[in-house]
Amino acid sequence: MFREFWINGQRAVRARHPNKGYFAITELPDKAAQWTLGQTRFRFHEGDLKAWSNITNAEVVAMTRWVESRLPVLAVDERERLISFGKRSVFELAPGDPITSKGHSRFR
């Protein structure tokens, strides 16, 4: 996964979804034993995220407390509205926490 994007020697902005503003976490199916342990999945609002091909090239940026977690996407289940990640968030997430996704070619 890349975090810097260059075109003709100029740094460019990586595509994100949504283009402006944020989505929000709706539910956490797994309660962390302590708030410092974080989560590896959460539920999203219907239509916010899709199971696009190569979605594993994307990452979700989740903002909670005073930090952001950059979470590599493992899978998106649109029917269950559940997204899973390759690592835990820095801290426990909460419903309403803002999220955005970055790095997938479908984002414009």
PDB file of N, CA and C in Angstrom:
ATOM      1  N   MET A   1       0.847  -1.171   0.000  1.00  0.00           N
ATOM      2  CA  MET A   1       0.000   0.000   0.000  1.00  0.00           C
ATOM      3  C   MET A   1       0.900   1.244   0.000  1.00  0.00           C
ATOM      4  N   PHE A   2       0.502   2.204  -0.788  1.00  0.00           N
ATOM      5  CA  PHE A   2       1.297   3.419  -0.852  1.00  0.00           C
ATOM      6  C   PHE A   2       0.593   4.555  -0.127  1.00  0.00           C
ATOM      7  N   ARG A   3       1.344   5.451   0.440  1.00  0.00           N
ATOM      8  CA  ARG A   3       0.769   6.600   1.143  1.00  0.00           C
ATOM      9  C   ARG A   3       1.151   7.913   0.483  1.00  0.00           C
ATOM     10  N   GLU A   4       2.072   7.875  -0.468  1.00  0.00           N
ATOM     11  CA  GLU A   4       2.453   9.067  -1.219  1.00  0.00           C
ATOM     12  C   GLU A   4       2.172   8.809  -2.687  1.00  0.00           C
ATOM     13  N   PHE A   5       1.730   9.839  -3.375  1.00  0.00           N
ATOM     14  CA  PHE A   5       1.341   9.714  -4.773  1.00  0.00           C
ATOM     15  C   PHE A   5       1.989  10.859  -5.539  1.00  0.00           C
ATOM     16  N   TRP A   6       2.770  10.522  -6.569  1.00  0.00           N
ATOM     17  CA  TRP A   6       3.504  11.533  -7.346  1.00  0.00           C
ATOM     18  C   TRP A   6       3.142  11.414  -8.823  1.00  0.00           C
ATOM     19  N   ILE A   7       2.921  12.548  -9.478  1.00  0.00           N
ATOM     20  CA  ILE A   7       2.651  12.593 -10.911  1.00  0.00           C
ATOM     21  C   ILE A   7       3.600  13.610 -11.527  1.00  0.00           C
ATOM     22  N   ASN A   8       4.432  13.159 -12.468  1.00  0.00           N
ATOM     23  CA  ASN A   8       5.403  14.042 -13.124  1.00  0.00           C
ATOM     24  C   ASN A   8       6.237  14.850 -12.128  1.00  0.00           C
ATOM     25  N   GLY A   9       6.687  14.199 -11.077  1.00  0.00           N
ATOM     26  CA  GLY A   9       7.535  14.846 -10.087  1.00  0.00           C
ATOM     27  C   GLY A   9       6.806  15.744  -9.106  1.00  0.00           C
ATOM     28  N   GLN A  10       5.491  15.814  -9.184  1.00  0.00           N
ATOM     29  CA  GLN A  10       4.699  16.641  -8.275  1.00  0.00           C
ATOM     30  C   GLN A  10       3.891  15.745  -7.338  1.00  0.00           C
ATOM     31  N   ARG A  11       3.921  16.073  -6.053  1.00  0.00           N
ATOM     32  CA  ARG A  11       3.129  15.303  -5.106  1.00  0.00           C
ATOM     33  C   ARG A  11       1.644  15.574  -5.366  1.00  0.00           C
ATOM     34  N   ALA A  12       0.858  14.510  -5.423  1.00  0.00           N
ATOM     35  CA  ALA A  12      -0.578  14.616  -5.688  1.00  0.00           C
ATOM     36  C   ALA A  12      -1.358  14.087  -4.478  1.00  0.00           C
ATOM     37  N   VAL A  13      -2.625  14.409  -4.426  1.00  0.00           N
ATOM     38  CA  VAL A  13      -3.500  13.972  -3.345  1.00  0.00           C
ATOM     39  C   VAL A  13      -4.027  12.575  -3.682  1.00  0.00           C
ATOM     40  N   ARG A  14      -3.926  11.665  -2.737  1.00  0.00           N
ATOM     41  CA  ARG A  14      -4.481  10.329  -2.923  1.00  0.00           C
ATOM     42  C   ARG A  14      -6.001  10.401  -2.954  1.00  0.00           C
ATOM     43  N   ALA A  15      -6.610   9.552  -3.749  1.00  0.00           N
ATOM     44  CA  ALA A  15      -8.065   9.487  -3.804  1.00  0.00           C
ATOM     45  C   ALA A  15      -8.618   9.044  -2.454  1.00  0.00           C
ATOM     46  N   ARG A  16      -9.780   9.612  -2.094  1.00  0.00           N
ATOM     47  CA  ARG A  16     -10.416   9.228  -0.835  1.00  0.00           C
ATOM     48  C   ARG A  16     -11.910   9.092  -1.053  1.00  0.00           C
ATOM     49  N   HIS A  17     -12.558   8.447  -0.120  1.00  0.00           N
ATOM     50  CA  HIS A  17     -13.998   8.224  -0.178  1.00  0.00           C
ATOM     51  C   HIS A  17     -14.560   8.402   1.216  1.00  0.00           C
ATOM     52  N   PRO A  18     -15.453   9.322   1.471  1.00  0.00           N
ATOM     53  CA  PRO A  18     -16.034  10.260   0.510  1.00  0.00           C
ATOM     54  C   PRO A  18     -15.043  11.379   0.177  1.00  0.00           C
ATOM     55  N   ASN A  19     -15.291  12.065  -0.926  1.00  0.00           N
ATOM     56  CA  ASN A  19     -14.384  13.139  -1.339  1.00  0.00           C
ATOM     57  C   ASN A  19     -14.351  14.282  -0.339  1.00  0.00           C
ATOM     58  N   LYS A  20     -15.467  14.569   0.298  1.00  0.00           N
ATOM     59  CA  LYS A  20     -15.542  15.621   1.332  1.00  0.00           C
ATOM     60  C   LYS A  20     -16.262  15.056   2.538  1.00  0.00           C
ATOM     61  N   GLY A  21     -15.870  15.511   3.689  1.00  0.00           N
ATOM     62  CA  GLY A  21     -16.523  15.042   4.907  1.00  0.00           C
ATOM     63  C   GLY A  21     -16.095  13.636   5.279  1.00  0.00           C
ATOM     64  N   TYR A  22     -16.926  12.981   6.078  1.00  0.00           N
ATOM     65  CA  TYR A  22     -16.588  11.664   6.608  1.00  0.00           C
ATOM     66  C   TYR A  22     -17.819  10.785   6.674  1.00  0.00           C
ATOM     67  N   PHE A  23     -17.597   9.480   6.733  1.00  0.00           N
ATOM     68  CA  PHE A  23     -18.620   8.533   7.108  1.00  0.00           C
ATOM     69  C   PHE A  23     -18.490   8.339   8.617  1.00  0.00           C
ATOM     70  N   ALA A  24     -19.376   7.525   9.194  1.00  0.00           N
ATOM     71  CA  ALA A  24     -19.305   7.277  10.637  1.00  0.00           C
ATOM     72  C   ALA A  24     -19.461   5.785  10.916  1.00  0.00           C
ATOM     73  N   ILE A  25     -18.784   5.331  11.940  1.00  0.00           N
ATOM     74  CA  ILE A  25     -18.937   3.962  12.422  1.00  0.00           C
ATOM     75  C   ILE A  25     -20.339   3.842  13.012  1.00  0.00           C
ATOM     76  N   THR A  26     -21.047   2.757  12.681  1.00  0.00           N
ATOM     77  CA  THR A  26     -22.391   2.588  13.240  1.00  0.00           C
ATOM     78  C   THR A  26     -22.421   1.647  14.433  1.00  0.00           C
ATOM     79  N   GLU A  27     -21.592   0.599  14.388  1.00  0.00           N
ATOM     80  CA  GLU A  27     -21.644  -0.400  15.457  1.00  0.00           C
ATOM     81  C   GLU A  27     -20.327  -1.163  15.518  1.00  0.00           C
ATOM     82  N   LEU A  28     -20.010  -1.654  16.706  1.00  0.00           N
ATOM     83  CA  LEU A  28     -18.816  -2.480  16.915  1.00  0.00           C
ATOM     84  C   LEU A  28     -19.258  -3.855  17.390  1.00  0.00           C
ATOM     85  N   PRO A  29     -19.126  -4.880  16.548  1.00  0.00           N
ATOM     86  CA  PRO A  29     -19.597  -6.214  16.939  1.00  0.00           C
ATOM     87  C   PRO A  29     -18.737  -6.880  18.008  1.00  0.00           C
ATOM     88  N   ASP A  30     -17.520  -6.421  18.181  1.00  0.00           N
ATOM     89  CA  ASP A  30     -16.607  -7.022  19.162  1.00  0.00           C
ATOM     90  C   ASP A  30     -16.194  -5.964  20.181  1.00  0.00           C
ATOM     91  N   LYS A  31     -16.496  -6.200  21.431  1.00  0.00           N
ATOM     92  CA  LYS A  31     -16.101  -5.277  22.491  1.00  0.00           C
ATOM     93  C   LYS A  31     -14.681  -5.602  22.929  1.00  0.00           C
ATOM     94  N   ALA A  32     -13.827  -4.604  22.916  1.00  0.00           N
ATOM     95  CA  ALA A  32     -12.451  -4.802  23.371  1.00  0.00           C
ATOM     96  C   ALA A  32     -12.438  -4.968  24.896  1.00  0.00           C
ATOM     97  N   ALA A  33     -11.535  -5.787  25.391  1.00  0.00           N
ATOM     98  CA  ALA A  33     -11.429  -6.006  26.834  1.00  0.00           C
ATOM     99  C   ALA A  33     -11.027  -4.719  27.556  1.00  0.00           C
ATOM    100  N   GLN A  34     -10.201  -3.919  26.904  1.00  0.00           N
ATOM    101  CA  GLN A  34      -9.773  -2.617  27.439  1.00  0.00           C
ATOM    102  C   GLN A  34      -9.798  -1.619  26.295  1.00  0.00           C
ATOM    103  N   TRP A  35     -10.016  -0.357  26.608  1.00  0.00           N
ATOM    104  CA  TRP A  35     -10.108   0.663  25.560  1.00  0.00           C
ATOM    105  C   TRP A  35      -8.801   0.830  24.805  1.00  0.00           C
ATOM    106  N   THR A  36      -7.706   0.360  25.374  1.00  0.00           N
ATOM    107  CA  THR A  36      -6.405   0.493  24.722  1.00  0.00           C
ATOM    108  C   THR A  36      -6.111  -0.629  23.707  1.00  0.00           C
ATOM    109  N   LEU A  37      -7.008  -1.600  23.552  1.00  0.00           N
ATOM    110  CA  LEU A  37      -6.746  -2.733  22.669  1.00  0.00           C
ATOM    111  C   LEU A  37      -7.233  -2.541  21.238  1.00  0.00           C
ATOM    112  N   GLY A  38      -8.247  -1.754  21.016  1.00  0.00           N
ATOM    113  CA  GLY A  38      -8.732  -1.494  19.663  1.00  0.00           C
ATOM    114  C   GLY A  38      -9.537  -2.639  19.076  1.00  0.00           C
ATOM    115  N   GLN A  39      -9.985  -2.424  17.815  1.00  0.00           N
ATOM    116  CA  GLN A  39     -10.804  -3.398  17.109  1.00  0.00           C
ATOM    117  C   GLN A  39     -10.231  -3.725  15.744  1.00  0.00           C
ATOM    118  N   THR A  40     -10.691  -4.865  15.187  1.00  0.00           N
ATOM    119  CA  THR A  40     -10.282  -5.258  13.839  1.00  0.00           C
ATOM    120  C   THR A  40     -11.442  -5.224  12.856  1.00  0.00           C
ATOM    121  N   ARG A  41     -12.623  -4.765  13.293  1.00  0.00           N
ATOM    122  CA  ARG A  41     -13.758  -4.640  12.388  1.00  0.00           C
ATOM    123  C   ARG A  41     -14.834  -3.747  12.997  1.00  0.00           C
ATOM    124  N   PHE A  42     -15.688  -3.232  12.122  1.00  0.00           N
ATOM    125  CA  PHE A  42     -16.850  -2.473  12.573  1.00  0.00           C
ATOM    126  C   PHE A  42     -17.916  -2.478  11.490  1.00  0.00           C
ATOM    127  N   ARG A  43     -19.101  -2.045  11.865  1.00  0.00           N
ATOM    128  CA  ARG A  43     -20.210  -1.925  10.915  1.00  0.00           C
ATOM    129  C   ARG A  43     -20.312  -0.483  10.423  1.00  0.00           C
ATOM    130  N   PHE A  44     -20.767  -0.346   9.177  1.00  0.00           N
ATOM    131  CA  PHE A  44     -20.902   0.967   8.545  1.00  0.00           C
ATOM    132  C   PHE A  44     -22.345   1.150   8.052  1.00  0.00           C
ATOM    133  N   HIS A  45     -22.709   2.361   7.694  1.00  0.00           N
ATOM    134  CA  HIS A  45     -24.035   2.646   7.154  1.00  0.00           C
ATOM    135  C   HIS A  45     -24.169   2.042   5.761  1.00  0.00           C
ATOM    136  N   GLU A  46     -25.362   1.569   5.444  1.00  0.00           N
ATOM    137  CA  GLU A  46     -25.624   1.000   4.131  1.00  0.00           C
ATOM    138  C   GLU A  46     -25.251   1.987   3.032  1.00  0.00           C
ATOM    139  N   GLY A  47     -24.483   1.501   2.047  1.00  0.00           N
ATOM    140  CA  GLY A  47     -24.078   2.320   0.915  1.00  0.00           C
ATOM    141  C   GLY A  47     -22.779   3.087   1.110  1.00  0.00           C
ATOM    142  N   ASP A  48     -22.272   3.168   2.343  1.00  0.00           N
ATOM    143  CA  ASP A  48     -21.026   3.919   2.576  1.00  0.00           C
ATOM    144  C   ASP A  48     -19.819   3.247   1.932  1.00  0.00           C
ATOM    145  N   LEU A  49     -19.699   1.946   2.066  1.00  0.00           N
ATOM    146  CA  LEU A  49     -18.549   1.208   1.545  1.00  0.00           C
ATOM    147  C   LEU A  49     -19.029   0.062   0.662  1.00  0.00           C
ATOM    148  N   LYS A  50     -18.221  -0.314  -0.296  1.00  0.00           N
ATOM    149  CA  LYS A  50     -18.553  -1.380  -1.238  1.00  0.00           C
ATOM    150  C   LYS A  50     -17.452  -2.438  -1.252  1.00  0.00           C
ATOM    151  N   ALA A  51     -17.828  -3.646  -1.660  1.00  0.00           N
ATOM    152  CA  ALA A  51     -16.858  -4.743  -1.792  1.00  0.00           C
ATOM    153  C   ALA A  51     -16.281  -4.728  -3.205  1.00  0.00           C
ATOM    154  N   TRP A  52     -15.657  -3.614  -3.573  1.00  0.00           N
ATOM    155  CA  TRP A  52     -15.059  -3.494  -4.901  1.00  0.00           C
ATOM    156  C   TRP A  52     -13.920  -4.498  -5.065  1.00  0.00           C
ATOM    157  N   SER A  53     -13.639  -4.850  -6.310  1.00  0.00           N
ATOM    158  CA  SER A  53     -12.485  -5.716  -6.546  1.00  0.00           C
ATOM    159  C   SER A  53     -11.236  -4.979  -6.062  1.00  0.00           C
ATOM    160  N   ASN A  54     -10.298  -5.695  -5.578  1.00  0.00           N
ATOM    161  CA  ASN A  54      -9.046  -5.133  -5.056  1.00  0.00           C
ATOM    162  C   ASN A  54      -9.256  -4.165  -3.899  1.00  0.00           C
ATOM    163  N   ILE A  55     -10.343  -4.315  -3.157  1.00  0.00           N
ATOM    164  CA  ILE A  55     -10.583  -3.423  -2.015  1.00  0.00           C
ATOM    165  C   ILE A  55      -9.453  -3.554  -0.988  1.00  0.00           C
ATOM    166  N   THR A  56      -8.716  -4.654  -1.040  1.00  0.00           N
ATOM    167  CA  THR A  56      -7.600  -4.835  -0.106  1.00  0.00           C
ATOM    168  C   THR A  56      -6.445  -3.882  -0.406  1.00  0.00           C
ATOM    169  N   ASN A  57      -6.521  -3.116  -1.495  1.00  0.00           N
ATOM    170  CA  ASN A  57      -5.528  -2.071  -1.765  1.00  0.00           C
ATOM    171  C   ASN A  57      -5.845  -0.791  -1.006  1.00  0.00           C
ATOM    172  N   ALA A  58      -6.980  -0.744  -0.355  1.00  0.00           N
ATOM    173  CA  ALA A  58      -7.413   0.463   0.350  1.00  0.00           C
ATOM    174  C   ALA A  58      -7.100   0.372   1.839  1.00  0.00           C
ATOM    175  N   GLU A  59      -7.171   1.525   2.479  1.00  0.00           N
ATOM    176  CA  GLU A  59      -7.085   1.576   3.930  1.00  0.00           C
ATOM    177  C   GLU A  59      -8.190   2.495   4.431  1.00  0.00           C
ATOM    178  N   VAL A  60      -8.635   2.247   5.646  1.00  0.00           N
ATOM    179  CA  VAL A  60      -9.602   3.119   6.296  1.00  0.00           C
ATOM    180  C   VAL A  60      -8.855   3.903   7.363  1.00  0.00           C
ATOM    181  N   VAL A  61      -9.123   5.195   7.396  1.00  0.00           N
ATOM    182  CA  VAL A  61      -8.577   6.040   8.451  1.00  0.00           C
ATOM    183  C   VAL A  61      -9.713   6.296   9.434  1.00  0.00           C
ATOM    184  N   ALA A  62      -9.579   5.776  10.640  1.00  0.00           N
ATOM    185  CA  ALA A  62     -10.584   5.940  11.689  1.00  0.00           C
ATOM    186  C   ALA A  62     -10.034   6.904  12.732  1.00  0.00           C
ATOM    187  N   MET A  63     -10.830   7.882  13.087  1.00  0.00           N
ATOM    188  CA  MET A  63     -10.401   8.884  14.064  1.00  0.00           C
ATOM    189  C   MET A  63     -11.174   8.703  15.362  1.00  0.00           C
ATOM    190  N   THR A  64     -10.447   8.486  16.431  1.00  0.00           N
ATOM    191  CA  THR A  64     -11.060   8.315  17.736  1.00  0.00           C
ATOM    192  C   THR A  64     -10.130   8.888  18.793  1.00  0.00           C
ATOM    193  N   ARG A  65     -10.738   9.425  19.830  1.00  0.00           N
ATOM    194  CA  ARG A  65      -9.982  10.076  20.906  1.00  0.00           C
ATOM    195  C   ARG A  65      -9.053  11.127  20.314  1.00  0.00           C
ATOM    196  N   TRP A  66      -7.782  11.003  20.442  1.00  0.00           N
ATOM    197  CA  TRP A  66      -6.853  12.010  19.930  1.00  0.00           C
ATOM    198  C   TRP A  66      -5.927  11.454  18.849  1.00  0.00           C
ATOM    199  N   VAL A  67      -6.260  10.287  18.302  1.00  0.00           N
ATOM    200  CA  VAL A  67      -5.395   9.644  17.305  1.00  0.00           C
ATOM    201  C   VAL A  67      -6.197   9.177  16.091  1.00  0.00           C
ATOM    202  N   GLU A  68      -5.475   8.893  15.031  1.00  0.00           N
ATOM    203  CA  GLU A  68      -6.097   8.243  13.880  1.00  0.00           C
ATOM    204  C   GLU A  68      -5.445   6.880  13.703  1.00  0.00           C
ATOM    205  N   SER A  69      -6.256   5.917  13.304  1.00  0.00           N
ATOM    206  CA  SER A  69      -5.765   4.574  13.005  1.00  0.00           C
ATOM    207  C   SER A  69      -5.846   4.369  11.501  1.00  0.00           C
ATOM    208  N   ARG A  70      -4.761   3.919  10.893  1.00  0.00           N
ATOM    209  CA  ARG A  70      -4.736   3.598   9.466  1.00  0.00           C
ATOM    210  C   ARG A  70      -4.830   2.090   9.354  1.00  0.00           C
ATOM    211  N   LEU A  71      -5.989   1.633   8.885  1.00  0.00           N
ATOM    212  CA  LEU A  71      -6.325   0.218   8.935  1.00  0.00           C
ATOM    213  C   LEU A  71      -6.392  -0.394   7.543  1.00  0.00           C
ATOM    214  N   PRO A  72      -5.498  -1.334   7.216  1.00  0.00           N
ATOM    215  CA  PRO A  72      -5.535  -1.989   5.908  1.00  0.00           C
ATOM    216  C   PRO A  72      -6.773  -2.885   5.801  1.00  0.00           C
ATOM    217  N   VAL A  73      -7.532  -2.726   4.722  1.00  0.00           N
ATOM    218  CA  VAL A  73      -8.783  -3.463   4.539  1.00  0.00           C
ATOM    219  C   VAL A  73      -8.493  -4.913   4.138  1.00  0.00           C
ATOM    220  N   LEU A  74      -9.132  -5.846   4.847  1.00  0.00           N
ATOM    221  CA  LEU A  74      -9.068  -7.269   4.486  1.00  0.00           C
ATOM    222  C   LEU A  74     -10.296  -7.675   3.680  1.00  0.00           C
ATOM    223  N   ALA A  75     -11.477  -7.195   4.118  1.00  0.00           N
ATOM    224  CA  ALA A  75     -12.718  -7.593   3.452  1.00  0.00           C
ATOM    225  C   ALA A  75     -13.838  -6.620   3.784  1.00  0.00           C
ATOM    226  N   VAL A  76     -14.794  -6.523   2.848  1.00  0.00           N
ATOM    227  CA  VAL A  76     -16.019  -5.757   3.062  1.00  0.00           C
ATOM    228  C   VAL A  76     -17.195  -6.668   2.772  1.00  0.00           C
ATOM    229  N   ASP A  77     -18.080  -6.820   3.745  1.00  0.00           N
ATOM    230  CA  ASP A  77     -19.304  -7.596   3.583  1.00  0.00           C
ATOM    231  C   ASP A  77     -20.457  -6.594   3.505  1.00  0.00           C
ATOM    232  N   GLU A  78     -20.928  -6.338   2.275  1.00  0.00           N
ATOM    233  CA  GLU A  78     -21.982  -5.334   2.086  1.00  0.00           C
ATOM    234  C   GLU A  78     -23.304  -5.766   2.715  1.00  0.00           C
ATOM    235  N   ARG A  79     -23.624  -7.050   2.657  1.00  0.00           N
ATOM    236  CA  ARG A  79     -24.886  -7.531   3.223  1.00  0.00           C
ATOM    237  C   ARG A  79     -24.929  -7.315   4.732  1.00  0.00           C
ATOM    238  N   GLU A  80     -23.823  -7.626   5.402  1.00  0.00           N
ATOM    239  CA  GLU A  80     -23.747  -7.458   6.857  1.00  0.00           C
ATOM    240  C   GLU A  80     -23.288  -6.046   7.257  1.00  0.00           C
ATOM    241  N   ARG A  81     -22.876  -5.247   6.243  1.00  0.00           N
ATOM    242  CA  ARG A  81     -22.330  -3.901   6.471  1.00  0.00           C
ATOM    243  C   ARG A  81     -21.148  -3.969   7.455  1.00  0.00           C
ATOM    244  N   LEU A  82     -20.242  -4.915   7.193  1.00  0.00           N
ATOM    245  CA  LEU A  82     -19.120  -5.184   8.088  1.00  0.00           C
ATOM    246  C   LEU A  82     -17.811  -5.079   7.314  1.00  0.00           C
ATOM    247  N   ILE A  83     -16.871  -4.324   7.844  1.00  0.00           N
ATOM    248  CA  ILE A  83     -15.544  -4.207   7.246  1.00  0.00           C
ATOM    249  C   ILE A  83     -14.523  -4.753   8.234  1.00  0.00           C
ATOM    250  N   SER A  84     -13.560  -5.534   7.715  1.00  0.00           N
ATOM    251  CA  SER A  84     -12.529  -6.167   8.547  1.00  0.00           C
ATOM    252  C   SER A  84     -11.158  -5.676   8.120  1.00  0.00           C
ATOM    253  N   PHE A  85     -10.245  -5.634   9.098  1.00  0.00           N
ATOM    254  CA  PHE A  85      -8.921  -5.057   8.878  1.00  0.00           C
ATOM    255  C   PHE A  85      -7.793  -6.023   9.217  1.00  0.00           C
ATOM    256  N   GLY A  86      -6.619  -5.741   8.657  1.00  0.00           N
ATOM    257  CA  GLY A  86      -5.438  -6.554   8.877  1.00  0.00           C
ATOM    258  C   GLY A  86      -4.695  -6.241  10.161  1.00  0.00           C
ATOM    259  N   LYS A  87      -5.154  -5.237  10.895  1.00  0.00           N
ATOM    260  CA  LYS A  87      -4.559  -4.931  12.198  1.00  0.00           C
ATOM    261  C   LYS A  87      -5.596  -4.225  13.055  1.00  0.00           C
ATOM    262  N   ARG A  88      -5.303  -4.117  14.335  1.00  0.00           N
ATOM    263  CA  ARG A  88      -6.218  -3.454  15.271  1.00  0.00           C
ATOM    264  C   ARG A  88      -6.078  -1.940  15.194  1.00  0.00           C
ATOM    265  N   SER A  89      -7.168  -1.264  15.505  1.00  0.00           N
ATOM    266  CA  SER A  89      -7.098   0.191  15.657  1.00  0.00           C
ATOM    267  C   SER A  89      -6.227   0.503  16.880  1.00  0.00           C
ATOM    268  N   VAL A  90      -5.703   1.707  16.942  1.00  0.00           N
ATOM    269  CA  VAL A  90      -4.817   2.088  18.044  1.00  0.00           C
ATOM    270  C   VAL A  90      -5.551   1.979  19.374  1.00  0.00           C
ATOM    271  N   PHE A  91      -6.765   2.527  19.434  1.00  0.00           N
ATOM    272  CA  PHE A  91      -7.594   2.468  20.638  1.00  0.00           C
ATOM    273  C   PHE A  91      -8.978   1.965  20.261  1.00  0.00           C
ATOM    274  N   GLU A  92      -9.797   1.695  21.268  1.00  0.00           N
ATOM    275  CA  GLU A  92     -11.169   1.272  21.043  1.00  0.00           C
ATOM    276  C   GLU A  92     -11.916   2.318  20.224  1.00  0.00           C
ATOM    277  N   LEU A  93     -12.631   1.866  19.212  1.00  0.00           N
ATOM    278  CA  LEU A  93     -13.451   2.753  18.397  1.00  0.00           C
ATOM    279  C   LEU A  93     -14.829   2.876  19.038  1.00  0.00           C
ATOM    280  N   ALA A  94     -15.624   3.836  18.556  1.00  0.00           N
ATOM    281  CA  ALA A  94     -16.963   4.041  19.114  1.00  0.00           C
ATOM    282  C   ALA A  94     -17.935   4.396  17.996  1.00  0.00           C
ATOM    283  N   PRO A  95     -19.199   4.030  18.147  1.00  0.00           N
ATOM    284  CA  PRO A  95     -20.194   4.453  17.164  1.00  0.00           C
ATOM    285  C   PRO A  95     -20.161   5.978  17.011  1.00  0.00           C
ATOM    286  N   GLY A  96     -20.221   6.423  15.769  1.00  0.00           N
ATOM    287  CA  GLY A  96     -20.157   7.860  15.493  1.00  0.00           C
ATOM    288  C   GLY A  96     -18.769   8.369  15.183  1.00  0.00           C
ATOM    289  N   ASP A  97     -17.733   7.575  15.479  1.00  0.00           N
ATOM    290  CA  ASP A  97     -16.367   8.005  15.141  1.00  0.00           C
ATOM    291  C   ASP A  97     -16.278   8.202  13.626  1.00  0.00           C
ATOM    292  N   PRO A  98     -15.638   9.302  13.186  1.00  0.00           N
ATOM    293  CA  PRO A  98     -15.519   9.556  11.749  1.00  0.00           C
ATOM    294  C   PRO A  98     -14.488   8.650  11.082  1.00  0.00           C
ATOM    295  N   ILE A  99     -14.811   8.259   9.839  1.00  0.00           N
ATOM    296  CA  ILE A  99     -13.897   7.434   9.044  1.00  0.00           C
ATOM    297  C   ILE A  99     -13.860   7.952   7.610  1.00  0.00           C
ATOM    298  N   THR A 100     -12.777   7.673   6.947  1.00  0.00           N
ATOM    299  CA  THR A 100     -12.657   7.881   5.511  1.00  0.00           C
ATOM    300  C   THR A 100     -11.811   6.740   4.971  1.00  0.00           C
ATOM    301  N   SER A 101     -11.950   6.444   3.699  1.00  0.00           N
ATOM    302  CA  SER A 101     -11.123   5.400   3.104  1.00  0.00           C
ATOM    303  C   SER A 101     -10.258   6.013   2.017  1.00  0.00           C
ATOM    304  N   LYS A 102      -9.071   5.467   1.852  1.00  0.00           N
ATOM    305  CA  LYS A 102      -8.092   6.022   0.916  1.00  0.00           C
ATOM    306  C   LYS A 102      -7.402   4.920   0.140  1.00  0.00           C
ATOM    307  N   GLY A 103      -6.926   5.294  -1.063  1.00  0.00           N
ATOM    308  CA  GLY A 103      -6.005   4.445  -1.785  1.00  0.00           C
ATOM    309  C   GLY A 103      -6.586   3.479  -2.796  1.00  0.00           C
ATOM    310  N   HIS A 104      -7.887   3.403  -2.981  1.00  0.00           N
ATOM    311  CA  HIS A 104      -8.440   2.472  -3.964  1.00  0.00           C
ATOM    312  C   HIS A 104      -8.684   3.191  -5.280  1.00  0.00           C
ATOM    313  N   SER A 105      -8.484   2.501  -6.384  1.00  0.00           N
ATOM    314  CA  SER A 105      -8.630   3.126  -7.693  1.00  0.00           C
ATOM    315  C   SER A 105     -10.062   3.560  -7.999  1.00  0.00           C
ATOM    316  N   ARG A 106     -11.072   3.032  -7.288  1.00  0.00           N
ATOM    317  CA  ARG A 106     -12.459   3.435  -7.514  1.00  0.00           C
ATOM    318  C   ARG A 106     -12.782   4.773  -6.861  1.00  0.00           C
ATOM    319  N   PHE A 107     -11.936   5.227  -5.941  1.00  0.00           N
ATOM    320  CA  PHE A 107     -12.167   6.510  -5.276  1.00  0.00           C
ATOM    321  C   PHE A 107     -11.709   7.604  -6.198  1.00  0.00           C
ATOM    322  N   ARG A 108     -12.493   8.637  -6.347  1.00  0.00           N
ATOM    323  CA  ARG A 108     -12.104   9.763  -7.201  1.00  0.00           C
ATOM    324  C   ARG A 108     -12.428  11.048  -6.528  1.00  0.00           C
TER     325      ARG A 108
END
